[in-house]
Each structure stands twice: as C-alpha cells, then as structure tokens.
C-alpha cells in the first residue's frame, strides 16, 4: 500500500511538473507584455506632463522685445489698380521730405506682408519657401531712428514689425558707395536679399535660382505699385558691388543681395 501511494505521489509530481512547463512560458510572456506596456504608459504620461509644464501659448511666436510695431496696413484706397498701372513710372529724384511710419508699413507689407490666415504673403512663393528678406535703411522716417531694420512679416500669424539691426546714419556712406543720384538725400531704401539655398532645399537640393529671382520681381512690382498709390517714387537698382555693400550694411552671410529700392517723395 505504501509503495503504491508513493508511485501515485510521484505521478502527481510529474503531472504538475509537465503542466508547469506547459504554461510557464505563456504566463511569463503575458506578464512581460503587461510590464512593458505599463512602463511605456508611465513614460508617455511623464513626457506629456513635462511638455504641458514647459509649453505655453506665447511660445508660438518668440520675438525680441525691442521690435517696433508698424501701423496696420490699409487694404483699400481711392486709387484703382488700373489708375496706378497707368501712372506708374520710374522716379529717381526725391525732395527733402521725410516718410511716415505708416507709409513704410504699407510699402513693406506690399512687398512681403502676410495676407492670409495660413501665412501666405502678398508676393507668392514657389513651394511656399519664402526665401526673401526685406531690410529698411531709414534716413528720414518720422518715428524711427536712423539706421538699418529687418522687416518681420510673421509666419502663420501676421506680425508686421521692424527689428532694429544697427543705429547709424547711412545716408552719406550709402551715396558714396553707390555714387548714384537716386540715393542722394533719399529718406528710405528697401534692400531685398535672398537665401538661394533655401529654395534649393525645397527642390531636393537642386538649385532653383530662377524661382528666387522671379519672386524678387514680384516683390519689386508690388512695392512699385504701392509707392505709386501713395504718391511716392521708387526705382529698382542692381548696380552695386555686393561685397562692399555687405561691409556697410548687415545681411546674413547665406543671403545674396538682389536689389535696392530707394523710396521718397518725387520732385
């Protein structure tokens, strides 16, 4: 009897061992999956918490506090497009009158301002690349110190600001460098530069300079028509030594200066 009981006990142990081996792997697998899932959930929640603590609505637009707010551009005038096109002419001689900040705002907005709720600009851009940057040389602008400023149109949200670059009287030095009558005593000069590499990146690394220069043409036409509508005069000037000009004014090393537009009240 005792021998039979021992055999039965041994058989039970074997069965238990076999069952354990059979179910051990699935049970461990399920446990590991649950553990990994729980760990991933905890890490994800931790990251979300950190992001919510560091993010803030004001972080969407980060601009220097010394940027200058420009007046809101007008989108209506008493001039028709047809009348402006008919009267538009190149003007290179300006009187001694200064320009207003409102006029400057209107001109810069016409060149590169935001005109949609998704960030498009008054001058269209191939593949929405926007490789152009506008700078203002202020010689005689009411409400502005003499110097160089960068126009900040905004990204998706319209900003319409001027970023001060350098306070300096450029009027004589710019005229001496260019030696052209249109820059003598001119109250303001708009400088248009372009990052050609930015457009190339949009086309997979293949240079597409043609598109950049076309965009620069759009900007020049917009500013010219806006100047005519404001009873101002301007012209497009490409006759300059870029290396010497970059020694005088501040433009990104990656940028090419495409042209200058002196703007003033015509004589």
Protein backbone atom coordinates (compact mmCIF):
# COMPACT_ATOMS: atom_id res chain seq x y z
CA UNK A 1 0.00 0.00 0.00
CA UNK A 2 2.75 2.43 0.92
CA UNK A 3 4.63 1.60 -2.29
CA UNK A 4 1.51 2.25 -4.37
CA UNK A 5 0.93 5.58 -2.59
CA UNK A 6 4.50 6.66 -3.32
CA UNK A 7 4.03 5.84 -7.00
CA UNK A 8 0.82 7.85 -7.14
CA UNK A 9 2.54 10.79 -5.45
CA UNK A 10 5.41 10.64 -7.92
CA UNK A 11 2.94 10.53 -10.82
CA UNK A 12 1.21 13.62 -9.43
CA UNK A 13 4.53 15.48 -9.20
CA UNK A 14 5.34 14.56 -12.80
CA UNK A 15 1.95 15.81 -13.99
CA UNK A 16 2.34 19.03 -12.03
CA UNK A 17 5.83 19.50 -13.49
CA UNK A 18 4.55 18.89 -17.00
CA UNK A 19 1.70 21.35 -16.51
CA UNK A 20 4.10 23.90 -15.07
CA UNK A 21 6.43 23.58 -18.06
CA UNK A 22 3.47 23.79 -20.44
CA UNK A 23 2.01 27.01 -19.00
CA UNK A 24 5.13 28.72 -17.61
CA UNK A 25 6.26 30.25 -20.89
CA UNK A 26 2.84 31.71 -21.87
CA UNK A 27 2.33 33.08 -18.36
CA UNK A 28 5.79 34.72 -18.32
CA UNK A 29 5.20 36.13 -21.82
CA UNK A 30 1.90 37.71 -20.78
CA UNK A 31 3.49 39.11 -17.63
CA UNK A 32 6.37 40.66 -19.59
CA UNK A 33 3.97 42.23 -22.13
CA UNK A 34 1.88 43.72 -19.33
CA UNK A 35 5.01 45.04 -17.61
CA UNK A 36 6.38 46.63 -20.81
CA UNK A 37 3.00 48.19 -21.64
CA UNK A 38 2.73 49.66 -18.16
CA UNK A 39 6.27 51.06 -18.40
CA UNK A 40 5.57 52.64 -21.79
CA UNK A 41 2.36 54.20 -20.46
CA UNK A 42 4.16 55.69 -17.45
CA UNK A 43 6.95 57.13 -19.64
CA UNK A 44 4.42 58.58 -22.08
CA UNK A 45 2.44 60.22 -19.29
CA UNK A 46 5.65 61.63 -17.84
CA UNK A 47 6.64 63.18 -21.16
CA UNK A 48 3.17 64.67 -21.66
CA UNK A 49 3.32 66.17 -18.19
CA UNK A 50 6.74 67.75 -18.86
CA UNK A 51 5.57 69.13 -22.21
CA UNK A 52 2.43 70.62 -20.70
CA UNK A 53 4.52 72.24 -17.99
CA UNK A 54 7.02 73.79 -20.42
CA UNK A 55 4.69 74.71 -23.28
CA UNK A 56 2.81 78.00 -23.30
CA UNK A 57 0.71 79.87 -25.88
CA UNK A 58 3.24 82.73 -26.01
CA UNK A 59 5.96 80.30 -27.12
CA UNK A 60 4.37 80.09 -30.59
CA UNK A 61 5.84 83.50 -31.52
CA UNK A 62 9.09 84.47 -29.85
CA UNK A 63 10.21 87.97 -30.86
CA UNK A 64 12.68 90.41 -29.32
CA UNK A 65 11.02 92.94 -27.04
CA UNK A 66 12.68 95.83 -28.86
CA UNK A 67 10.90 95.11 -32.15
CA UNK A 68 8.90 98.06 -33.46
CA UNK A 69 5.22 97.60 -34.18
CA UNK A 70 4.27 99.06 -37.55
CA UNK A 71 0.86 100.64 -38.23
CA UNK A 72 -1.74 98.27 -39.62
CA UNK A 73 -1.62 98.33 -43.43
CA UNK A 74 -4.65 99.59 -45.32
CA UNK A 75 -6.32 97.22 -47.73
CA UNK A 76 -8.43 99.89 -49.50
CA UNK A 77 -7.55 103.15 -51.20
CA UNK A 78 -9.09 105.72 -53.51
CA UNK A 79 -6.80 104.55 -56.33
CA UNK A 80 -7.80 101.76 -58.70
CA UNK A 81 -5.22 99.24 -59.83
CA UNK A 82 -5.73 100.42 -63.39
CA UNK A 83 -5.04 104.04 -62.46
CA UNK A 84 -1.88 103.08 -60.58
CA UNK A 85 -0.66 100.98 -63.51
CA UNK A 86 -1.28 103.86 -65.90
CA UNK A 87 0.61 106.41 -63.80
CA UNK A 88 3.47 104.17 -62.64
CA UNK A 89 6.87 105.45 -63.71
CA UNK A 90 10.46 105.10 -62.53
CA UNK A 91 11.37 108.04 -60.31
CA UNK A 92 14.94 108.71 -59.20
CA UNK A 93 14.88 112.27 -57.82
CA UNK A 94 13.38 112.93 -54.41
CA UNK A 95 12.75 116.05 -52.35
CA UNK A 96 13.79 116.60 -48.75
CA UNK A 97 10.50 115.41 -47.20
CA UNK A 98 10.67 112.56 -44.73
CA UNK A 99 8.43 109.48 -44.90
CA UNK A 100 5.92 108.42 -42.26
CA UNK A 101 5.91 105.12 -40.42
CA UNK A 102 2.51 104.44 -41.98
CA UNK A 103 3.97 104.75 -45.47
CA UNK A 104 6.87 102.47 -44.56
CA UNK A 105 4.48 99.89 -43.14
CA UNK A 106 2.40 99.96 -46.31
CA UNK A 107 5.42 99.53 -48.59
CA UNK A 108 6.96 96.65 -46.64
CA UNK A 109 3.62 94.89 -46.29
CA UNK A 110 3.08 95.20 -50.04
CA UNK A 111 6.43 93.50 -50.58
CA UNK A 112 6.29 90.61 -48.12
CA UNK A 113 3.36 91.05 -45.76
CA UNK A 114 1.09 88.23 -44.58
CA UNK A 115 -2.27 88.32 -46.38
CA UNK A 116 -3.96 85.02 -45.43
CA UNK A 117 -4.85 83.15 -42.26
CA UNK A 118 -2.38 80.37 -43.15
CA UNK A 119 0.71 82.53 -43.67
CA UNK A 120 0.80 83.27 -47.40
CA UNK A 121 2.29 86.59 -48.44
CA UNK A 122 1.48 89.43 -50.79
CA UNK A 123 4.18 88.10 -53.15
CA UNK A 124 3.67 84.41 -53.86
CA UNK A 125 6.48 81.92 -53.30
CA UNK A 126 7.27 78.66 -55.08
CA UNK A 127 6.51 75.73 -52.76
CA UNK A 128 5.79 78.32 -50.04
CA UNK A 129 9.52 78.63 -49.46
CA UNK A 130 9.74 82.41 -48.84
CA UNK A 131 13.49 82.80 -49.33
CA UNK A 132 13.40 86.61 -49.43
CA UNK A 133 14.16 89.06 -46.62
CA UNK A 134 13.42 92.79 -46.67
CA UNK A 135 15.61 95.34 -44.89
CA UNK A 136 14.94 99.03 -44.40
CA UNK A 137 17.61 101.71 -44.38
CA UNK A 138 15.90 104.62 -42.62
CA UNK A 139 17.48 108.02 -43.25
CA UNK A 140 14.48 110.28 -42.74
CA UNK A 141 11.48 108.39 -41.39
CA UNK A 142 9.27 110.01 -38.76
CA UNK A 143 9.24 107.90 -35.61
CA UNK A 144 12.36 105.89 -36.49
CA UNK A 145 15.98 106.39 -35.55
CA UNK A 146 18.36 106.49 -38.47
CA UNK A 147 19.68 103.00 -39.12
CA UNK A 148 19.05 99.56 -40.53
CA UNK A 149 16.00 97.43 -39.74
CA UNK A 150 14.78 94.00 -40.78
CA UNK A 151 11.15 93.58 -41.74
CA UNK A 152 9.39 90.85 -39.76
CA UNK A 153 6.15 89.89 -41.56
CA UNK A 154 5.37 86.94 -39.29
CA UNK A 155 4.91 83.28 -40.07
CA UNK A 156 1.38 81.90 -39.87
CA UNK A 157 0.36 84.85 -37.73
CA UNK A 158 0.83 88.38 -39.17
CA UNK A 159 3.35 90.37 -37.16
CA UNK A 160 4.29 93.41 -39.31
CA UNK A 161 7.24 94.64 -37.26
CA UNK A 162 10.69 96.13 -37.68
CA UNK A 163 13.65 94.52 -35.96
CA UNK A 164 16.40 97.09 -35.25
CA UNK A 165 19.74 95.94 -36.67
CA UNK A 166 22.02 98.96 -36.32
CA UNK A 167 21.51 102.61 -35.43
CA UNK A 168 23.60 104.64 -37.84
CA UNK A 169 23.31 107.41 -40.40
CA UNK A 170 23.77 105.55 -43.68
CA UNK A 171 22.71 108.40 -45.96
CA UNK A 172 26.15 109.71 -46.94
CA UNK A 173 28.05 106.41 -46.79
CA UNK A 174 25.47 104.68 -48.98
CA UNK A 175 25.57 107.51 -51.52
CA UNK A 176 29.37 107.49 -51.52
CA UNK A 177 29.43 103.74 -52.14
CA UNK A 178 26.84 103.73 -54.92
CA UNK A 179 27.54 107.21 -56.37
CA UNK A 180 24.05 107.40 -57.90
CA UNK A 181 21.70 110.36 -57.74
CA UNK A 182 18.70 108.29 -56.64
CA UNK A 183 20.44 107.66 -53.30
CA UNK A 184 21.31 111.30 -52.57
CA UNK A 185 19.25 112.52 -49.61
CA UNK A 186 16.77 109.66 -50.09
CA UNK A 187 14.63 109.19 -46.96
CA UNK A 188 14.49 105.38 -47.14
CA UNK A 189 15.97 102.43 -49.01
CA UNK A 190 14.46 98.94 -49.13
CA UNK A 191 17.03 96.16 -49.50
CA UNK A 192 15.87 92.78 -50.85
CA UNK A 193 18.07 89.76 -50.15
CA UNK A 194 17.54 86.06 -50.82
CA UNK A 195 18.67 82.74 -49.43
CA UNK A 196 19.18 80.75 -52.63
CA UNK A 197 19.98 77.57 -50.68
CA UNK A 198 16.57 77.64 -49.04
CA UNK A 199 14.87 77.36 -52.43
CA UNK A 200 17.27 74.59 -53.48
CA UNK A 201 16.37 72.59 -50.37
CA UNK A 202 12.70 72.82 -51.34
CA UNK A 203 13.62 71.12 -54.64
CA UNK A 204 15.61 68.28 -53.09
CA UNK A 205 18.95 70.03 -53.14
CA UNK A 206 18.79 71.05 -56.81
CA UNK A 207 19.47 74.80 -57.32
CA UNK A 208 16.39 76.74 -58.48
CA UNK A 209 17.73 80.31 -58.51
CA UNK A 210 15.35 81.24 -61.32
CA UNK A 211 12.35 80.91 -59.00
CA UNK A 212 14.03 83.12 -56.38
CA UNK A 213 14.67 85.92 -58.87
CA UNK A 214 11.11 85.65 -60.15
CA UNK A 215 9.86 86.11 -56.58
CA UNK A 216 12.12 89.12 -56.17
CA UNK A 217 10.46 90.53 -59.29
CA UNK A 218 7.03 90.04 -57.73
CA UNK A 219 8.17 91.98 -54.67
CA UNK A 220 9.64 94.85 -56.71
CA UNK A 221 6.40 95.20 -58.69
CA UNK A 222 4.28 95.17 -55.53
CA UNK A 223 6.40 97.85 -53.87
CA UNK A 224 6.48 99.96 -57.04
CA UNK A 225 2.70 99.89 -57.40
CA UNK A 226 2.19 100.59 -53.70
CA UNK A 227 4.60 103.54 -53.89
CA UNK A 228 2.65 104.94 -56.84
CA UNK A 229 -0.61 104.55 -54.95
CA UNK A 230 0.92 106.50 -52.04
CA UNK A 231 2.17 109.25 -54.42
CA UNK A 232 5.74 108.21 -53.73
CA UNK A 233 8.54 107.40 -56.13
CA UNK A 234 10.97 104.49 -56.37
CA UNK A 235 13.18 102.53 -58.71
CA UNK A 236 14.98 99.17 -58.69
CA UNK A 237 18.76 99.35 -58.52
CA UNK A 238 21.13 96.42 -59.13
CA UNK A 239 24.26 98.48 -59.88
CA UNK A 240 26.37 97.86 -56.79
CA UNK A 241 29.34 95.91 -55.51
CA UNK A 242 27.76 93.30 -53.23
CA UNK A 243 30.90 92.62 -51.20
CA UNK A 244 31.38 96.31 -50.42
CA UNK A 245 27.68 96.75 -49.71
CA UNK A 246 27.78 93.85 -47.24
CA UNK A 247 30.64 95.63 -45.46
CA UNK A 248 28.35 98.61 -44.97
CA UNK A 249 25.01 97.01 -44.08
CA UNK A 250 24.19 93.83 -42.19
CA UNK A 251 22.83 90.94 -44.26
CA UNK A 252 23.10 87.22 -43.49
CA UNK A 253 26.21 85.58 -44.94
CA UNK A 254 23.96 82.98 -46.57
CA UNK A 255 22.00 85.68 -48.43
CA UNK A 256 22.52 87.31 -51.80
CA UNK A 257 21.55 90.98 -52.11
CA UNK A 258 19.35 91.12 -55.21
CA UNK A 259 18.48 94.82 -55.43
CA UNK A 260 17.93 98.11 -53.63
CA UNK A 261 14.85 100.33 -53.88
CA UNK A 262 15.28 103.98 -52.87
CA UNK A 263 11.89 105.44 -51.88
CA UNK A 264 10.85 109.04 -51.37
CA UNK A 265 8.57 111.88 -52.36
CA UNK A 266 9.34 112.62 -56.02
CA UNK A 267 10.37 116.14 -57.07
